[in-house]
Protein backbone atom coordinates (compact mmCIF):
# COMPACT_ATOMS: atom_id res chain seq x y z
CA MET A 1 0.00 0.00 0.00
CA GLU A 2 1.29 3.43 -0.84
CA LYS A 3 2.54 5.65 1.95
CA GLU A 4 0.04 8.32 0.96
CA LYS A 5 -2.88 5.97 1.59
CA ILE A 6 -1.50 4.91 4.98
CA ALA A 7 -1.00 8.56 5.88
CA ARG A 8 -4.61 9.26 4.86
CA ILE A 9 -5.86 6.37 7.03
CA ASN A 10 -3.97 7.81 9.98
CA GLU A 11 -5.21 11.33 9.27
CA LEU A 12 -8.82 10.15 9.18
CA ALA A 13 -8.34 8.19 12.41
CA ARG A 14 -7.00 11.27 14.19
CA LYS A 15 -9.85 13.39 12.87
CA LYS A 16 -12.40 10.78 13.95
CA LYS A 17 -11.07 10.95 17.52
CA THR A 18 -11.03 14.74 17.68
CA SER A 19 -13.89 16.21 15.68
CA GLY A 20 -15.63 13.31 13.97
CA LEU A 21 -15.93 12.41 10.32
CA THR A 22 -18.39 13.41 7.65
CA PRO A 23 -20.29 10.53 6.03
CA LEU A 24 -18.07 10.83 2.95
CA GLU A 25 -14.90 10.67 5.06
CA ALA A 26 -16.26 7.70 7.01
CA GLU A 27 -16.89 5.86 3.75
CA GLU A 28 -13.38 6.72 2.53
CA GLN A 29 -11.92 5.46 5.81
CA GLN A 30 -13.78 2.15 5.51
CA THR A 31 -12.64 1.69 1.92
CA LEU A 32 -9.00 2.44 2.72
CA TYR A 33 -9.06 0.23 5.81
CA ALA A 34 -10.57 -2.69 3.85
CA GLU A 35 -7.84 -2.34 1.22
CA TYR A 36 -5.20 -2.25 3.95
CA LEU A 37 -6.57 -5.39 5.61
CA ASN A 38 -6.68 -7.25 2.28
CA GLU A 39 -3.02 -6.47 1.71
CA ILE A 40 -2.11 -7.63 5.23
CA ARG A 41 -4.03 -10.88 4.74
CA ALA A 42 -2.32 -11.52 1.40
CA SER A 43 1.08 -10.87 2.93
CA PHE A 44 0.35 -13.18 5.85
CA GLY A 45 -0.86 -15.90 3.47
CA ALA A 46 2.36 -15.64 1.47
CA THR A 47 4.36 -15.92 4.67
CA LEU A 48 2.48 -19.06 5.71
CA GLU A 49 3.09 -20.66 2.33
CA HIS A 50 6.82 -20.53 3.02
CA THR A 51 6.65 -21.56 6.67
CA VAL A 52 7.56 -25.08 7.73
CA ILE A 53 7.40 -27.06 10.95
CA LYS A 54 10.50 -29.07 11.76
CA ARG A 55 9.81 -32.03 14.03
CA PRO A 56 12.32 -33.43 16.54
CA ASP A 57 12.75 -36.54 14.35
CA GLY A 58 13.94 -34.29 11.50
CA THR A 59 10.83 -34.40 9.32
CA VAL A 60 9.61 -31.16 7.81
CA GLU A 61 5.95 -30.32 7.20
CA LYS A 62 4.69 -27.28 5.35
CA VAL A 63 2.08 -25.29 7.27
CA LYS A 64 -0.24 -25.10 4.28
CA ASP A 65 -0.17 -28.94 3.95
CA ARG A 66 -0.99 -29.23 7.65
CA LYS A 67 -4.04 -26.98 7.20
CA LYS A 68 -5.55 -29.42 4.67
CA ASN A 69 -5.51 -32.31 7.18
């Protein structure tokens, strides 16, 4: 996500705490936050795809294969 969008999310959050948001700003905040969460979820999913569990007996199991069982 671009730094400008993250800065806008933070700006809207500060404004919400101090003076409140207009309906248009609230909608913008929800849209930006949803986009941010989708990117976080995608990043986390990619991390899990490359994560393995190494057992004491030396066997290695991918986390994504474990999820299917």
